[in-house]
């Protein structure tokens, strides 16, 4: 607030909002697709390990699609704290598009995936567990409704 005013609190908001659509869309599409494939090959309900596996693969796909936006968001947020790093043109780096350009010029396409493995260490358990808990809870509610 002292250095950048209220706007400093919202640095990185736009790439976050843009990145959430492909993240969630890809996660859900891949997860539901894998679950549907499993249902085609088995007469059993998917077990928790199967659900965790579907969630893990969905998480990898969703994170891969949306990670460049997460990287740009982080760079925009960190830029307010430190004005150094892989910035080709400090003036350009103050915007989302300028930060994309800066990463591309400095590191090429692989630069958009710097830190991707660390992101997977967070997202795989979070997404997998969320889907498994959701499915297990939905089954319990469904079974309770059938008993009534």
Protein backbone atom coordinates (compact mmCIF):
# COMPACT_ATOMS: atom_id res chain seq x y z
CA UNK A 1 0.00 0.00 0.00
CA UNK A 2 2.77 2.39 0.93
CA UNK A 3 4.71 1.93 -2.31
CA UNK A 4 1.98 1.18 -4.87
CA UNK A 5 -1.35 2.13 -3.35
CA UNK A 6 -4.45 -0.04 -3.55
CA UNK A 7 -3.53 -1.22 -7.06
CA UNK A 8 -0.48 -3.00 -5.66
CA UNK A 9 -2.78 -5.34 -3.76
CA UNK A 10 -4.35 -6.50 -7.03
CA UNK A 11 -1.26 -7.09 -9.14
CA UNK A 12 -1.68 -10.39 -10.92
CA UNK A 13 -5.47 -10.48 -10.60
CA UNK A 14 -6.16 -10.42 -14.35
CA UNK A 15 -3.87 -13.36 -15.24
CA UNK A 16 -5.31 -15.24 -12.26
CA UNK A 17 -8.85 -14.74 -13.51
CA UNK A 18 -7.89 -15.59 -17.10
CA UNK A 19 -5.95 -18.69 -15.98
CA UNK A 20 -8.71 -20.13 -13.79
CA UNK A 21 -11.02 -20.84 -16.77
CA UNK A 22 -8.64 -23.21 -18.60
CA UNK A 23 -7.47 -24.67 -15.27
CA UNK A 24 -10.93 -25.67 -14.05
CA UNK A 25 -12.24 -26.46 -17.53
CA UNK A 26 -9.34 -28.78 -18.31
CA UNK A 27 -9.38 -30.37 -14.83
CA UNK A 28 -13.07 -31.21 -15.02
CA UNK A 29 -13.02 -32.33 -18.66
CA UNK A 30 -10.07 -34.67 -18.18
CA UNK A 31 -11.38 -35.99 -14.85
CA UNK A 32 -14.87 -36.72 -16.18
CA UNK A 33 -13.43 -38.21 -19.38
CA UNK A 34 -11.17 -40.58 -17.46
CA UNK A 35 -13.99 -41.54 -15.12
CA UNK A 36 -16.26 -42.24 -18.11
CA UNK A 37 -13.55 -44.39 -19.76
CA UNK A 38 -13.20 -46.35 -16.53
CA UNK A 39 -16.98 -46.90 -16.42
CA UNK A 40 -16.86 -48.27 -19.99
CA UNK A 41 -14.27 -50.87 -19.00
CA UNK A 42 -15.54 -51.86 -15.54
CA UNK A 43 -18.87 -52.68 -14.00
CA UNK A 44 -17.60 -51.57 -10.58
CA UNK A 45 -17.83 -48.08 -9.15
CA UNK A 46 -14.42 -46.41 -9.32
CA UNK A 47 -12.50 -46.99 -6.10
CA UNK A 48 -10.77 -44.21 -4.18
CA UNK A 49 -7.37 -45.07 -5.73
CA UNK A 50 -8.94 -44.90 -9.22
CA UNK A 51 -10.52 -41.54 -8.38
CA UNK A 52 -7.19 -40.29 -7.02
CA UNK A 53 -5.46 -41.38 -10.23
CA UNK A 54 -8.06 -39.66 -12.42
CA UNK A 55 -7.68 -36.53 -10.30
CA UNK A 56 -3.89 -36.64 -10.54
CA UNK A 57 -3.94 -36.85 -14.34
CA UNK A 58 -6.58 -34.13 -14.54
CA UNK A 59 -4.46 -31.94 -12.28
CA UNK A 60 -1.37 -32.40 -14.48
CA UNK A 61 -3.36 -31.42 -17.59
CA UNK A 62 -5.11 -28.44 -15.98
CA UNK A 63 -1.91 -27.13 -14.46
CA UNK A 64 -0.06 -27.49 -17.77
CA UNK A 65 -2.68 -25.45 -19.60
CA UNK A 66 -2.95 -22.68 -17.02
CA UNK A 67 0.59 -22.52 -15.62
CA UNK A 68 1.86 -19.70 -17.87
CA UNK A 69 -0.83 -17.44 -16.39
CA UNK A 70 0.18 -18.46 -12.85
CA UNK A 71 3.82 -17.70 -13.66
CA UNK A 72 2.94 -14.26 -15.04
CA UNK A 73 0.73 -13.54 -12.00
CA UNK A 74 3.59 -14.45 -9.67
CA UNK A 75 6.06 -12.33 -11.62
CA UNK A 76 3.69 -9.35 -11.53
CA UNK A 77 3.22 -9.74 -7.80
CA UNK A 78 6.92 -10.20 -7.13
CA UNK A 79 7.82 -7.26 -9.37
CA UNK A 80 6.34 -4.92 -6.80
CA UNK A 81 8.70 -6.34 -4.19
CA UNK A 82 11.85 -6.51 -6.28
CA UNK A 83 12.61 -4.77 -9.54
CA UNK A 84 15.25 -7.26 -10.76
CA UNK A 85 15.24 -10.72 -12.30
CA UNK A 86 14.53 -11.94 -15.82
CA UNK A 87 13.07 -8.65 -16.94
CA UNK A 88 14.15 -7.61 -20.41
CA UNK A 89 12.45 -4.23 -20.21
CA UNK A 90 11.35 -3.07 -16.75
CA UNK A 91 8.68 -0.79 -18.22
CA UNK A 92 7.11 -3.67 -20.22
CA UNK A 93 7.09 -5.97 -17.21
CA UNK A 94 4.57 -3.82 -15.38
CA UNK A 95 1.69 -5.21 -17.47
CA UNK A 96 0.45 -8.74 -18.07
CA UNK A 97 1.30 -8.65 -21.79
CA UNK A 98 4.65 -7.03 -21.08
CA UNK A 99 5.48 -9.78 -18.60
CA UNK A 100 4.50 -12.47 -21.13
CA UNK A 101 6.75 -10.78 -23.68
CA UNK A 102 9.59 -10.45 -21.18
CA UNK A 103 9.49 -14.16 -20.26
CA UNK A 104 9.30 -15.19 -23.92
CA UNK A 105 12.27 -13.03 -24.92
CA UNK A 106 14.40 -13.98 -21.90
CA UNK A 107 13.66 -17.71 -21.66
CA UNK A 108 11.58 -18.80 -24.65
CA UNK A 109 8.58 -21.09 -24.27
CA UNK A 110 10.24 -23.25 -21.58
CA UNK A 111 10.41 -20.12 -19.42
CA UNK A 112 6.62 -20.27 -18.98
CA UNK A 113 7.01 -23.59 -17.15
CA UNK A 114 9.71 -22.61 -14.67
CA UNK A 115 8.43 -23.95 -11.34
CA UNK A 116 5.85 -26.28 -12.95
CA UNK A 117 7.09 -29.33 -11.03
CA UNK A 118 6.72 -27.52 -7.72
CA UNK A 119 3.20 -26.47 -8.73
CA UNK A 120 2.35 -30.11 -9.43
CA UNK A 121 3.53 -31.09 -5.95
CA UNK A 122 0.77 -28.83 -4.63
CA UNK A 123 -1.96 -29.34 -7.21
CA UNK A 124 -1.89 -33.13 -7.62
CA UNK A 125 -2.76 -33.93 -3.99
CA UNK A 126 -5.20 -31.01 -3.74
CA UNK A 127 -7.17 -31.85 -6.89
CA UNK A 128 -7.01 -35.64 -6.42
CA UNK A 129 -8.22 -35.52 -2.84
CA UNK A 130 -10.94 -33.00 -3.71
CA UNK A 131 -12.39 -35.21 -6.43
CA UNK A 132 -12.14 -38.38 -4.33
CA UNK A 133 -13.85 -36.71 -1.36
CA UNK A 134 -16.54 -35.24 -3.60
CA UNK A 135 -17.30 -38.59 -5.27
CA UNK A 136 -17.28 -40.53 -1.98
CA UNK A 137 -19.53 -37.97 -0.28
CA UNK A 138 -21.91 -37.88 -3.27
CA UNK A 139 -22.18 -41.69 -3.13
CA UNK A 140 -22.96 -41.59 0.59
CA UNK A 141 -25.72 -39.02 0.03
CA UNK A 142 -27.05 -41.04 -2.88
CA UNK A 143 -27.15 -44.22 -0.77
CA UNK A 144 -28.94 -42.35 2.04
CA UNK A 145 -31.55 -41.06 -0.42
CA UNK A 146 -32.15 -44.61 -1.71
CA UNK A 147 -32.77 -45.87 1.84
CA UNK A 148 -35.55 -43.33 2.42
